[in-house]
N, C-alpha and C. Protein backbone atom coordinates (compact mmCIF):
# COMPACT_ATOMS: atom_id res chain seq x y z
N UNK A 1 100.11 147.17 103.47
CA UNK A 1 100.98 146.85 102.05
C UNK A 1 101.81 145.43 102.56
N UNK A 2 102.21 145.63 103.54
CA UNK A 2 102.96 144.09 103.99
C UNK A 2 102.15 142.94 103.69
N UNK A 3 100.87 143.25 104.37
CA UNK A 3 100.00 141.75 104.24
C UNK A 3 99.70 141.72 103.01
N UNK A 4 99.27 142.68 101.84
CA UNK A 4 99.22 142.43 100.41
C UNK A 4 100.36 141.91 99.92
N UNK A 5 101.18 141.98 100.12
CA UNK A 5 102.68 141.66 99.70
C UNK A 5 102.65 140.19 100.05
N UNK A 6 102.75 139.75 101.42
CA UNK A 6 102.72 138.31 101.97
C UNK A 6 101.55 137.46 101.22
N UNK A 7 100.39 138.01 101.10
CA UNK A 7 99.20 137.28 100.42
C UNK A 7 99.63 137.11 98.71
N UNK A 8 100.34 137.74 98.21
CA UNK A 8 100.42 137.78 96.75
C UNK A 8 101.71 136.62 96.67
N UNK A 9 102.83 136.72 97.83
CA UNK A 9 104.06 135.47 97.91
C UNK A 9 103.00 134.36 98.13
N UNK A 10 102.30 134.01 98.80
CA UNK A 10 101.91 132.89 99.07
C UNK A 10 100.87 132.62 98.02
N UNK A 11 100.24 133.42 97.28
CA UNK A 11 99.23 132.96 96.05
C UNK A 11 100.21 132.37 95.01
N UNK A 12 101.14 133.23 94.53
CA UNK A 12 102.18 132.91 93.55
C UNK A 12 102.76 131.95 94.02
N UNK A 13 103.21 131.39 95.36
CA UNK A 13 103.90 129.95 95.57
C UNK A 13 102.73 129.03 95.54
N UNK A 14 101.78 129.16 95.92
CA UNK A 14 101.02 128.07 95.87
C UNK A 14 100.66 127.67 94.19
N UNK A 15 100.51 128.81 93.48
CA UNK A 15 100.39 128.61 92.04
C UNK A 15 101.62 127.66 91.34
N UNK A 16 102.70 127.94 91.77
CA UNK A 16 104.09 127.37 91.11
C UNK A 16 104.26 126.22 91.80
N UNK A 17 104.09 126.02 93.21
CA UNK A 17 104.46 124.66 93.36
C UNK A 17 103.45 123.57 93.11
N UNK A 18 102.57 124.12 93.39
CA UNK A 18 101.18 123.20 92.86
C UNK A 18 101.26 122.68 91.47
N UNK A 19 101.64 123.83 90.59
CA UNK A 19 101.90 123.28 88.90
C UNK A 19 103.16 122.38 88.97
N UNK A 20 104.12 122.78 89.88
CA UNK A 20 105.36 121.93 89.38
C UNK A 20 105.24 120.38 90.09
N UNK A 21 104.67 120.29 91.54
CA UNK A 21 104.30 118.95 91.89
C UNK A 21 103.43 118.07 90.84
N UNK A 22 102.18 118.72 90.27
CA UNK A 22 101.41 118.32 89.30
C UNK A 22 101.77 117.43 88.33
N UNK A 23 102.81 118.19 87.69
CA UNK A 23 103.42 118.02 86.18
C UNK A 23 104.61 116.89 86.65
N UNK A 24 105.10 116.84 87.88
CA UNK A 24 106.14 115.83 88.02
C UNK A 24 105.42 114.50 88.73
N UNK A 25 104.16 114.74 89.13
CA UNK A 25 103.27 113.43 89.55
C UNK A 25 102.92 112.58 88.36
N UNK A 26 102.77 113.78 87.01
CA UNK A 26 102.28 112.78 85.74
C UNK A 26 103.19 112.22 85.16
N UNK A 27 104.63 112.92 85.44
CA UNK A 27 105.68 112.18 84.69
C UNK A 27 106.35 110.51 85.83
N UNK A 28 105.69 110.99 86.92
CA UNK A 28 105.96 109.74 87.74
C UNK A 28 107.27 109.80 88.22
N UNK A 29 108.25 109.61 87.44
CA UNK A 29 109.81 109.35 87.58
C UNK A 29 110.59 110.52 88.10
N UNK A 30 109.62 112.00 87.82
CA UNK A 30 110.30 113.12 88.45
C UNK A 30 109.67 113.44 89.71
N UNK A 31 108.53 113.20 90.23
CA UNK A 31 108.02 113.26 91.51
C UNK A 31 108.97 113.24 92.57
N UNK A 32 109.80 112.18 92.86
CA UNK A 32 110.18 112.35 94.29
C UNK A 32 111.45 113.43 94.14
N UNK A 33 112.40 113.59 93.18
CA UNK A 33 113.32 114.72 93.16
C UNK A 33 112.48 115.94 93.36
N UNK A 34 111.10 116.15 92.82
CA UNK A 34 110.94 117.23 93.13
C UNK A 34 110.26 117.57 94.59
N UNK A 35 109.94 116.35 95.01
CA UNK A 35 109.09 116.62 96.22
C UNK A 35 110.31 117.06 97.18
N UNK A 36 111.43 116.38 96.91
CA UNK A 36 112.76 116.70 97.91
C UNK A 36 113.23 118.26 97.84
N UNK A 37 113.22 118.63 96.41
CA UNK A 37 113.12 119.88 95.80
C UNK A 37 112.43 120.90 96.84
N UNK A 38 111.13 120.52 96.56
CA UNK A 38 110.43 121.32 97.34
C UNK A 38 110.43 121.52 98.78
N UNK A 39 111.20 120.25 99.70
CA UNK A 39 111.17 120.29 100.71
C UNK A 39 112.47 121.21 101.34
N UNK A 40 113.69 121.15 100.26
CA UNK A 40 114.40 122.17 100.19
C UNK A 40 113.90 123.52 100.21
N UNK A 41 113.05 123.53 99.53
CA UNK A 41 112.62 125.29 99.16
C UNK A 41 111.87 125.82 100.32
N UNK A 42 110.89 124.95 101.05
CA UNK A 42 110.09 125.15 102.46
C UNK A 42 111.00 125.15 103.43
N UNK A 43 112.31 124.87 103.46
CA UNK A 43 112.88 124.76 104.68
C UNK A 43 113.32 126.32 105.11
N UNK A 44 113.17 127.02 104.11
CA UNK A 44 113.65 128.72 104.28
C UNK A 44 112.54 129.34 104.84
N UNK A 45 112.21 130.54 105.40
CA UNK A 45 111.19 131.14 105.45
C UNK A 45 110.71 131.88 104.48
N UNK A 46 109.35 132.63 104.59
CA UNK A 46 108.94 132.97 103.03
C UNK A 46 109.59 133.93 102.42
N UNK A 47 110.20 134.71 103.25
CA UNK A 47 110.98 136.09 102.74
C UNK A 47 112.12 135.65 102.39
N UNK A 48 113.07 134.70 102.50
CA UNK A 48 114.17 133.98 102.18
C UNK A 48 114.05 133.12 101.10
N UNK A 49 113.35 132.29 100.85
CA UNK A 49 113.14 131.19 99.69
C UNK A 49 112.69 131.82 98.34
N UNK A 50 113.36 131.01 97.40
CA UNK A 50 113.38 131.26 96.04
C UNK A 50 113.01 130.29 95.24
N UNK A 51 112.39 129.94 94.02
CA UNK A 51 112.07 129.32 93.23
C UNK A 51 112.93 128.14 93.24
N UNK A 52 114.05 128.80 92.63
CA UNK A 52 115.27 128.44 92.06
C UNK A 52 115.90 127.34 93.41
N UNK A 53 115.49 127.73 94.73
CA UNK A 53 116.48 126.35 95.84
C UNK A 53 115.45 125.22 95.49
N UNK A 54 114.78 125.19 94.62
CA UNK A 54 114.14 123.54 94.36
C UNK A 54 114.78 123.07 93.58
N UNK A 55 115.57 123.56 92.67
CA UNK A 55 116.29 122.98 91.71
C UNK A 55 117.49 122.95 91.97
N UNK A 56 117.92 123.81 92.66
CA UNK A 56 119.59 123.89 93.63
C UNK A 56 119.67 122.67 94.45
N UNK A 57 118.55 122.17 94.94
CA UNK A 57 118.48 120.97 95.98
C UNK A 57 118.38 120.05 95.19
N UNK A 58 117.61 119.70 94.14
CA UNK A 58 117.66 118.61 93.39
C UNK A 58 119.21 118.35 92.89
N UNK A 59 119.90 119.55 92.30
CA UNK A 59 121.09 119.38 91.77
C UNK A 59 122.28 118.94 92.62
N UNK A 60 121.98 119.35 94.02
CA UNK A 60 123.14 119.33 94.86
C UNK A 60 123.11 117.68 95.40
N UNK A 61 121.82 117.04 95.31
CA UNK A 61 121.90 115.83 95.76
C UNK A 61 121.19 114.67 94.68
N UNK A 62 121.71 114.76 93.56
CA UNK A 62 121.20 113.99 92.13
C UNK A 62 121.80 112.81 92.52
N UNK A 63 122.91 112.49 93.28
CA UNK A 63 123.15 111.24 93.25
C UNK A 63 122.43 110.19 94.12
N UNK A 64 122.16 110.89 95.39
CA UNK A 64 121.09 110.07 96.51
C UNK A 64 119.89 110.04 95.59
N UNK A 65 119.52 110.80 94.88
CA UNK A 65 118.24 111.01 94.70
C UNK A 65 117.92 109.84 93.38
N UNK A 66 118.89 109.42 92.79
CA UNK A 66 118.76 108.32 91.52
C UNK A 66 118.13 107.28 92.61
N UNK A 67 119.05 106.85 93.78
CA UNK A 67 118.62 105.67 94.28
C UNK A 67 117.33 105.71 95.30
N UNK A 68 117.04 106.99 95.95
CA UNK A 68 115.96 107.07 96.42
C UNK A 68 114.74 106.99 95.62
N UNK A 69 114.70 107.67 94.60
CA UNK A 69 113.58 107.68 93.40
C UNK A 69 112.94 106.17 93.25
N UNK A 70 114.31 105.16 92.63
CA UNK A 70 113.88 104.17 92.68
C UNK A 70 113.23 103.26 93.75
N UNK A 71 113.75 103.54 94.93
CA UNK A 71 113.27 103.04 96.04
C UNK A 71 111.58 103.43 96.22
N UNK A 72 111.78 104.57 96.24
CA UNK A 72 109.91 104.89 96.13
C UNK A 72 109.06 104.58 95.31
N UNK A 73 109.60 104.53 94.02
CA UNK A 73 108.88 103.92 92.96
C UNK A 73 108.34 102.35 93.27
N UNK A 74 109.58 101.54 93.63
CA UNK A 74 109.20 100.54 93.51
C UNK A 74 108.21 100.09 94.96
N UNK A 75 108.28 100.82 96.07
CA UNK A 75 107.61 100.68 97.18
C UNK A 75 106.22 101.17 97.26
N UNK A 76 106.32 102.15 96.56
CA UNK A 76 105.18 102.94 96.53
C UNK A 76 104.08 102.56 95.35
N UNK A 77 104.67 102.73 94.00
CA UNK A 77 103.94 102.80 92.92
C UNK A 77 103.18 101.58 92.77
N UNK A 78 104.03 100.58 92.89
CA UNK A 78 103.30 99.32 92.60
C UNK A 78 102.51 99.05 93.45
N UNK A 79 102.67 99.10 94.49
CA UNK A 79 101.76 98.57 95.86
C UNK A 79 100.09 99.39 95.45
N UNK A 80 100.33 100.65 94.93
CA UNK A 80 99.25 101.57 94.75
C UNK A 80 98.22 100.93 93.43
N UNK A 81 99.39 100.47 92.61
CA UNK A 81 98.45 99.84 91.14
C UNK A 81 97.86 98.37 91.85
N UNK A 82 98.73 97.84 92.88
CA UNK A 82 97.92 96.57 93.03
C UNK A 82 96.77 96.58 93.87
N UNK A 83 96.78 97.72 94.97
CA UNK A 83 95.40 98.00 95.52
C UNK A 83 94.47 98.49 94.72
N UNK A 84 94.61 99.24 93.95
CA UNK A 84 93.83 99.89 92.75
C UNK A 84 93.07 98.43 92.03
N UNK A 85 93.99 98.01 91.55
CA UNK A 85 93.32 96.72 90.90
C UNK A 85 92.43 95.44 91.57
N UNK A 86 93.08 95.38 92.61
CA UNK A 86 92.08 94.70 93.65
C UNK A 86 90.58 95.34 93.97
N UNK A 87 91.02 96.65 94.31
CA UNK A 87 89.64 97.24 94.56
C UNK A 87 88.90 97.50 93.30
N UNK A 88 89.31 97.63 92.18
CA UNK A 88 88.31 97.53 90.87
C UNK A 88 87.80 95.96 90.26
N UNK A 89 88.75 94.93 90.82
CA UNK A 89 88.65 93.47 90.45
C UNK A 89 88.32 93.16 91.83
N UNK A 90 87.30 93.35 92.50
CA UNK A 90 87.50 92.14 93.69
C UNK A 90 87.32 90.53 93.34
N UNK A 91 86.99 90.17 92.36
CA UNK A 91 86.91 88.80 92.16
C UNK A 91 88.13 88.30 91.97
N UNK A 92 89.19 88.78 91.70
CA UNK A 92 90.73 88.42 91.68
C UNK A 92 91.55 88.82 92.46
N UNK A 93 90.90 89.48 93.98
CA UNK A 93 91.61 89.71 95.08
C UNK A 93 92.41 88.44 95.40
N UNK A 94 94.09 88.82 95.56
CA UNK A 94 95.07 87.81 96.16
C UNK A 94 95.23 88.57 97.39
N UNK A 95 94.76 87.55 98.60
CA UNK A 95 94.89 88.65 100.06
C UNK A 95 96.43 88.74 100.31
N UNK A 96 97.41 87.57 99.97
CA UNK A 96 98.59 87.69 100.25
C UNK A 96 99.31 88.99 99.62
N UNK A 97 98.98 89.10 98.31
CA UNK A 97 99.78 90.10 97.61
C UNK A 97 99.32 91.41 97.96
N UNK A 98 97.77 91.41 98.61
CA UNK A 98 97.46 92.58 99.08
C UNK A 98 97.69 92.93 100.09
N UNK A 99 97.98 92.10 101.33
CA UNK A 99 98.51 92.53 102.63
C UNK A 99 100.25 92.89 102.22
N UNK A 100 100.97 92.06 101.40
CA UNK A 100 102.32 92.53 100.85
C UNK A 100 102.15 94.12 100.60
N UNK A 101 101.49 94.55 99.94
CA UNK A 101 101.36 95.75 99.26
C UNK A 101 101.19 96.79 100.13
N UNK A 102 99.94 96.46 101.17
CA UNK A 102 99.42 97.45 102.02
C UNK A 102 101.12 97.75 102.95
N UNK A 103 101.52 96.61 103.22
CA UNK A 103 102.95 96.87 104.47
C UNK A 103 103.81 97.66 103.73
N UNK A 104 104.30 97.21 102.22
CA UNK A 104 105.32 97.90 101.39
C UNK A 104 104.60 99.53 101.36
N UNK A 105 103.39 99.82 101.19
CA UNK A 105 102.80 101.35 100.89
C UNK A 105 103.39 102.07 102.11
N UNK A 106 102.95 101.09 103.20
CA UNK A 106 103.12 102.12 104.79
C UNK A 106 104.38 102.30 104.61
N UNK A 107 105.35 101.58 104.43
CA UNK A 107 106.75 101.86 104.63
C UNK A 107 107.30 102.97 103.64
N UNK A 108 106.90 103.25 102.39
CA UNK A 108 107.22 104.23 101.11
C UNK A 108 106.56 105.20 101.83
N UNK A 109 105.30 105.15 102.55
CA UNK A 109 104.56 106.60 103.06
C UNK A 109 105.66 107.22 104.17
N UNK A 110 106.35 106.34 105.01
CA UNK A 110 106.94 106.70 105.74
C UNK A 110 107.89 107.25 105.46
N UNK A 111 108.69 106.72 104.49
CA UNK A 111 110.19 107.52 103.73
C UNK A 111 109.80 108.60 103.00
N UNK A 112 108.80 108.61 102.19
CA UNK A 112 108.23 109.74 101.70
C UNK A 112 108.19 111.16 102.58
N UNK A 113 107.88 110.91 104.08
CA UNK A 113 107.42 111.63 104.85
C UNK A 113 109.05 112.21 105.48
N UNK A 114 109.67 111.13 105.83
CA UNK A 114 111.08 111.51 106.40
C UNK A 114 112.27 111.78 105.61
N UNK A 115 112.35 110.94 104.72
CA UNK A 115 113.81 111.15 104.00
C UNK A 115 114.10 112.31 103.25
N UNK A 116 113.06 112.90 102.47
CA UNK A 116 113.39 114.22 101.99
C UNK A 116 114.14 115.15 103.04
N UNK A 117 113.56 115.51 104.24
CA UNK A 117 114.22 116.21 104.97
C UNK A 117 115.84 115.87 105.50
N UNK A 118 115.85 114.27 105.52
CA UNK A 118 117.60 113.86 105.66
C UNK A 118 118.07 114.39 104.62
N UNK A 119 117.33 114.13 103.34
CA UNK A 119 118.27 114.56 102.10
C UNK A 119 118.84 115.93 102.08
N UNK A 120 118.00 116.45 102.56
CA UNK A 120 117.77 118.15 102.33
C UNK A 120 119.19 118.70 103.44
N UNK A 121 119.11 118.13 104.79
CA UNK A 121 119.65 118.48 105.78
C UNK A 121 121.23 117.86 105.93
N UNK A 122 121.50 116.22 105.66
CA UNK A 122 122.56 115.67 105.66
C UNK A 122 122.91 115.05 104.32
N UNK A 123 124.20 114.99 104.63
CA UNK A 123 124.88 114.30 103.40
C UNK A 123 124.97 112.88 103.75
N UNK A 124 124.12 111.93 103.07
CA UNK A 124 124.20 110.95 103.54
C UNK A 124 124.42 109.79 102.33
N UNK A 125 124.51 108.62 102.36
CA UNK A 125 124.24 107.44 101.25
C UNK A 125 123.16 106.82 101.56
N UNK A 126 122.92 105.78 100.46
CA UNK A 126 121.30 105.36 100.53
C UNK A 126 121.27 104.57 101.86
N UNK A 127 122.14 103.84 102.27
CA UNK A 127 122.00 102.94 103.42
C UNK A 127 121.87 104.03 104.64
N UNK A 128 122.71 105.09 105.06
CA UNK A 128 122.50 106.10 105.78
C UNK A 128 121.11 106.67 105.96
N UNK A 129 120.53 106.92 104.25
CA UNK A 129 119.23 107.31 104.30
C UNK A 129 118.32 106.65 105.01
N UNK A 130 118.35 105.38 104.59
CA UNK A 130 117.55 104.26 105.23
C UNK A 130 117.32 104.37 106.86
N UNK A 131 118.57 104.25 107.09
CA UNK A 131 118.82 104.21 108.69
C UNK A 131 117.98 105.42 109.34
N UNK A 132 118.52 106.59 108.98
CA UNK A 132 117.96 108.02 109.43
C UNK A 132 116.66 108.49 109.14
N UNK A 133 116.23 107.80 107.80
CA UNK A 133 114.89 108.17 107.65
C UNK A 133 113.79 107.51 108.83
N UNK A 134 114.21 106.37 109.32
CA UNK A 134 113.52 105.59 110.31
C UNK A 134 114.03 106.40 111.71
N UNK A 135 114.98 107.04 112.32
CA UNK A 135 115.39 107.73 113.37
C UNK A 135 114.77 109.00 113.09
N UNK A 136 114.24 109.69 112.05
CA UNK A 136 113.70 110.83 112.31
C UNK A 136 112.31 110.87 112.72
N UNK A 137 111.66 109.71 112.63
CA UNK A 137 110.37 109.21 113.38
C UNK A 137 110.22 109.73 114.81
N UNK A 138 111.51 109.42 115.42
CA UNK A 138 111.80 109.54 116.75
C UNK A 138 111.94 111.02 117.49
N UNK A 139 111.87 112.05 116.53
CA UNK A 139 112.37 113.67 116.75
C UNK A 139 111.02 113.89 117.65
N UNK A 140 109.73 113.23 117.06
CA UNK A 140 108.37 113.26 117.62
C UNK A 140 107.51 112.44 117.01
N UNK A 141 106.89 111.46 118.13
CA UNK A 141 106.02 110.46 117.32
C UNK A 141 104.95 110.91 116.83
N UNK A 142 104.35 112.10 117.46
CA UNK A 142 103.20 112.73 117.04
C UNK A 142 103.14 113.71 116.02
N UNK A 143 104.23 114.25 115.80
CA UNK A 143 104.44 115.00 114.40
C UNK A 143 104.87 113.73 113.42
N UNK A 144 105.59 112.72 113.62
CA UNK A 144 105.68 111.74 112.55
C UNK A 144 104.44 111.43 111.94
N UNK A 145 103.86 110.84 112.82
CA UNK A 145 102.31 110.07 112.71
C UNK A 145 101.37 111.32 112.28
N UNK A 146 101.51 112.81 112.53
CA UNK A 146 100.65 113.46 111.59
C UNK A 146 100.98 113.41 110.11
N UNK A 147 102.58 113.36 109.94
CA UNK A 147 103.02 113.66 108.63
C UNK A 147 102.71 112.44 108.11
N UNK A 148 102.65 111.19 108.17
CA UNK A 148 102.33 109.73 107.79
C UNK A 148 100.82 110.08 107.17
N UNK A 149 99.81 110.53 108.27
CA UNK A 149 98.43 110.39 108.03
C UNK A 149 98.04 111.30 106.73
N UNK A 150 98.96 112.47 106.83
CA UNK A 150 98.74 113.69 105.75
C UNK A 150 99.00 112.69 104.26
N UNK A 151 99.91 112.03 104.40
CA UNK A 151 100.38 111.27 103.09
C UNK A 151 99.51 110.22 102.61
N UNK A 152 99.23 109.29 103.71
CA UNK A 152 98.31 108.17 103.74
C UNK A 152 96.81 108.95 103.02
N UNK A 153 96.40 110.26 103.68
CA UNK A 153 95.23 110.82 103.28
C UNK A 153 95.41 111.27 101.84
N UNK A 154 96.42 111.36 101.19
CA UNK A 154 96.47 111.86 99.62
C UNK A 154 96.61 110.53 99.05
N UNK A 155 97.11 109.38 99.68
CA UNK A 155 97.15 108.15 98.67
C UNK A 155 95.89 107.64 98.94
N UNK A 156 95.06 107.77 99.78
CA UNK A 156 93.48 107.35 99.68
C UNK A 156 92.66 108.39 99.06
N UNK A 157 93.13 109.39 98.87
CA UNK A 157 92.28 110.54 97.61
C UNK A 157 92.85 110.03 96.22
N UNK A 158 93.82 109.34 95.99
CA UNK A 158 94.65 109.01 94.80
C UNK A 158 93.53 107.49 94.25
N UNK A 159 93.21 106.83 95.43
CA UNK A 159 92.66 105.51 95.03
C UNK A 159 90.91 105.94 94.70
N UNK A 160 90.63 106.66 95.36
CA UNK A 160 89.34 106.77 95.47
C UNK A 160 88.72 108.27 94.90
N UNK A 161 89.47 109.45 95.16
CA UNK A 161 88.81 110.82 94.62
C UNK A 161 89.81 111.22 93.73
N UNK A 162 90.31 110.79 92.73
CA UNK A 162 92.18 111.50 91.96
C UNK A 162 91.93 112.81 91.74
N UNK A 163 90.86 113.30 91.64
CA UNK A 163 90.59 114.71 90.90
C UNK A 163 90.74 115.90 92.22
N UNK A 164 90.83 115.33 93.23
CA UNK A 164 90.82 116.07 94.55
C UNK A 164 92.34 116.30 94.92
N UNK A 165 93.22 115.50 94.53
CA UNK A 165 94.44 115.44 94.94
C UNK A 165 95.25 116.88 94.65
N UNK A 166 94.82 117.43 93.60
CA UNK A 166 95.32 118.63 93.16
C UNK A 166 95.29 119.75 94.11
N UNK A 167 94.37 119.61 95.08
CA UNK A 167 94.06 120.65 96.14
C UNK A 167 94.98 120.50 97.50
N UNK A 168 96.05 119.46 97.17
CA UNK A 168 96.74 119.05 98.45
C UNK A 168 98.00 119.31 98.06
N UNK A 169 98.46 119.45 96.73
CA UNK A 169 99.86 119.49 96.32
C UNK A 169 100.84 120.40 96.71
N UNK A 170 100.08 121.62 97.26
CA UNK A 170 100.82 122.65 98.29
C UNK A 170 100.84 122.66 99.47
N UNK A 171 99.93 122.42 100.20
CA UNK A 171 99.68 121.87 101.51
C UNK A 171 100.41 121.05 102.09
N UNK A 172 100.25 120.10 101.51
CA UNK A 172 100.66 118.64 102.33
C UNK A 172 102.41 118.58 102.46
N UNK A 173 102.78 119.18 101.35
CA UNK A 173 104.51 119.32 101.17
C UNK A 173 104.97 120.14 102.38
N UNK A 174 103.99 121.53 102.47
CA UNK A 174 104.27 122.41 103.18
C UNK A 174 104.12 121.87 104.53
N UNK A 175 103.19 121.40 104.97
CA UNK A 175 103.13 120.91 106.60
C UNK A 175 104.08 119.96 106.92
N UNK A 176 104.55 118.76 105.84
CA UNK A 176 105.06 118.01 106.17
C UNK A 176 106.51 118.28 106.62
N UNK A 177 107.21 119.12 105.60
CA UNK A 177 108.34 119.93 105.81
C UNK A 177 108.44 120.47 106.88
N UNK A 178 107.72 121.11 107.43
CA UNK A 178 107.62 121.58 108.52
C UNK A 178 107.59 121.03 110.07
N UNK A 179 106.81 119.64 109.78
CA UNK A 179 106.71 119.00 110.92
C UNK A 179 107.94 118.13 110.80
N UNK A 180 108.64 117.47 109.74
CA UNK A 180 109.95 117.02 109.82
C UNK A 180 111.28 117.96 110.33
N UNK A 181 111.13 119.09 110.00
CA UNK A 181 112.14 119.89 109.95
C UNK A 181 112.48 120.19 111.52
N UNK A 182 111.27 120.41 112.47
CA UNK A 182 111.37 120.34 114.04
C UNK A 182 111.58 119.07 114.43
N UNK A 183 111.30 117.94 113.59
CA UNK A 183 112.02 116.76 114.07
C UNK A 183 113.40 116.78 114.36
N UNK A 184 114.02 117.19 112.87
CA UNK A 184 115.48 117.38 112.50
C UNK A 184 116.34 118.06 113.40
N UNK A 185 115.30 119.29 113.93
CA UNK A 185 116.17 120.08 114.81
C UNK A 185 116.06 119.48 116.28
N UNK A 186 115.20 118.83 116.63
CA UNK A 186 114.84 118.33 118.02
C UNK A 186 116.09 117.21 118.14
N UNK A 187 116.29 116.27 117.06
CA UNK A 187 117.41 114.95 117.14
C UNK A 187 118.89 115.70 117.23
N UNK A 188 119.05 116.50 116.33
CA UNK A 188 120.30 117.47 116.27
C UNK A 188 120.68 118.04 117.31
N UNK A 189 119.46 118.84 118.03
CA UNK A 189 119.94 119.30 119.49
C UNK A 189 120.20 118.34 120.42
N UNK A 190 119.34 116.91 120.53
CA UNK A 190 119.93 116.12 121.72
C UNK A 190 121.30 115.59 121.52
N UNK A 191 121.78 115.33 119.88
CA UNK A 191 122.88 115.08 119.82
C UNK A 191 124.07 116.16 120.03
N UNK A 192 123.50 117.10 120.13
CA UNK A 192 124.44 118.55 120.40
C UNK A 192 124.39 118.47 121.78
N UNK A 193 123.64 117.98 122.76
CA UNK A 193 123.57 118.23 124.01
C UNK A 193 122.93 119.95 124.17
N UNK A 194 122.54 120.29 123.63
CA UNK A 194 121.63 121.76 123.52
C UNK A 194 120.08 121.73 123.29
N UNK A 195 119.35 122.87 123.21
CA UNK A 195 118.13 123.11 123.01
C UNK A 195 117.68 123.24 121.93
N UNK A 196 116.68 123.06 121.22
CA UNK A 196 116.16 123.40 119.89
C UNK A 196 116.42 125.18 119.86
N UNK A 197 115.63 125.50 120.86
CA UNK A 197 115.97 126.96 120.86
C UNK A 197 117.17 127.70 120.84
N UNK A 198 118.30 127.02 121.36
CA UNK A 198 119.57 127.38 121.14
C UNK A 198 120.14 127.20 120.04
N UNK A 199 119.74 126.13 119.17
CA UNK A 199 120.19 125.63 118.16
C UNK A 199 119.86 126.65 116.98
N UNK A 200 118.61 126.83 117.18
CA UNK A 200 117.75 127.89 116.12
C UNK A 200 118.40 129.01 116.21
N UNK A 201 118.60 129.66 117.62
CA UNK A 201 119.14 130.76 117.91
C UNK A 201 120.76 131.07 117.21
N UNK A 202 121.41 130.44 117.30
CA UNK A 202 122.77 130.07 117.03
C UNK A 202 122.68 130.02 115.67
N UNK A 203 121.95 129.25 114.73
CA UNK A 203 121.58 129.40 113.73
C UNK A 203 121.31 130.63 112.83
N UNK A 204 120.39 131.19 113.24
CA UNK A 204 120.04 132.76 112.73
C UNK A 204 120.88 133.79 113.07
N UNK A 205 122.03 133.50 114.16
CA UNK A 205 122.76 134.42 114.33
C UNK A 205 123.96 134.16 112.96
N UNK A 206 124.25 133.00 112.80
CA UNK A 206 125.34 132.59 111.70
C UNK A 206 124.54 133.21 110.51
N UNK A 207 123.67 132.88 110.15
CA UNK A 207 122.69 133.63 109.00
C UNK A 207 122.85 135.00 108.86
N UNK A 208 122.88 135.60 110.04
CA UNK A 208 122.92 137.33 110.24
C UNK A 208 124.31 138.11 109.68
N UNK A 209 125.19 137.07 110.53
CA UNK A 209 126.59 137.39 110.18
C UNK A 209 127.37 136.55 108.95
N UNK A 210 128.15 137.15 108.64
CA UNK A 210 129.33 136.73 107.66
C UNK A 210 130.51 135.77 108.62
N UNK A 211 131.41 135.38 107.62
CA UNK A 211 132.35 134.50 108.35
C UNK A 211 133.61 135.36 109.23
N UNK A 212 133.39 136.87 108.81
CA UNK A 212 134.06 137.76 109.85
C UNK A 212 133.69 138.51 110.81
N UNK A 213 132.09 138.07 110.91
CA UNK A 213 131.74 138.62 112.31
C UNK A 213 130.85 139.66 111.88
N UNK A 214 130.75 140.36 110.65
CA UNK A 214 130.05 141.47 110.20
C UNK A 214 128.75 141.37 109.83
N UNK A 215 127.97 142.23 109.89
CA UNK A 215 126.21 142.27 109.41
C UNK A 215 126.65 141.89 107.87
N UNK A 216 125.93 140.64 107.24
CA UNK A 216 125.61 140.48 105.88
C UNK A 216 125.42 141.84 105.40
N UNK A 217 125.49 141.95 103.84
CA UNK A 217 125.01 142.67 103.29
C UNK A 217 123.66 142.82 102.97
N UNK A 218 123.12 141.59 102.97
CA UNK A 218 121.65 141.72 102.40
C UNK A 218 120.67 141.98 103.83
N UNK A 219 121.29 141.73 105.09
CA UNK A 219 120.57 142.60 106.28
C UNK A 219 120.93 143.86 106.47
N UNK A 220 121.96 144.30 106.10
CA UNK A 220 122.11 145.62 106.19
C UNK A 220 121.28 146.35 105.20
N UNK A 221 120.84 146.08 104.15
CA UNK A 221 120.30 146.59 103.27
C UNK A 221 118.64 146.80 103.50
N UNK A 222 118.11 145.50 104.30
CA UNK A 222 116.74 145.46 104.89
C UNK A 222 116.61 146.51 105.97
N UNK A 223 117.83 146.59 106.96
CA UNK A 223 117.87 147.62 107.96
C UNK A 223 117.53 149.06 107.48
N UNK A 224 118.66 149.28 106.26
CA UNK A 224 118.18 150.56 105.90
C UNK A 224 116.95 151.03 105.28
N UNK A 225 116.41 149.75 104.68
CA UNK A 225 115.09 149.86 104.10
C UNK A 225 114.25 150.45 105.11
N UNK A 226 113.90 149.63 106.57
CA UNK A 226 113.20 149.84 107.48
C UNK A 226 113.43 151.06 108.08
N UNK A 227 114.92 151.57 108.10
CA UNK A 227 115.05 153.05 108.43
C UNK A 227 114.39 154.22 107.92
């Protein structure tokens, strides 16, 4: 029964997240806030996360999201439009503009991979977001590269096979959230001079106990259900 329930949870999650990201992408301006909200949602385990976490994350970070959204719209949307135009109008190619567009798009992809995790886990201003977004890469170069390649793959689909993109709107944010969350844990553990294992163990313990050291009510109810 647990397996069927878990399958149902993932199936419903796939439909809701895909629909939400697709609608936000069509609106363009709401895409970045929704991606940050989805990142906050995926930061919890399947048994703990609720769809309201998406909107709670957006609401808590609306100030930084204004600046981050404008930044991403400029550095991603316009380069994509330029590249698409040059691909469909080869006689009008301006190689300087094309090169600048490719570089800007690469920078935008990096921040689209790293910045949402920074926003979800840290209280930062825009300048700090730009700095920490780059530092996030060094949590693990191979995880960062994989995250960038996933987003780059989606961008290529947008340019050449846009109708296939709908199939990536759940899996790619989920995978990138997992990858960048591990990077964040690594950097946080390094700053605190501890291990990732110990850091996660302490956080799990804090989630299990309330401020008085007693087992939280939800955990007691779960234990009673298991008994």
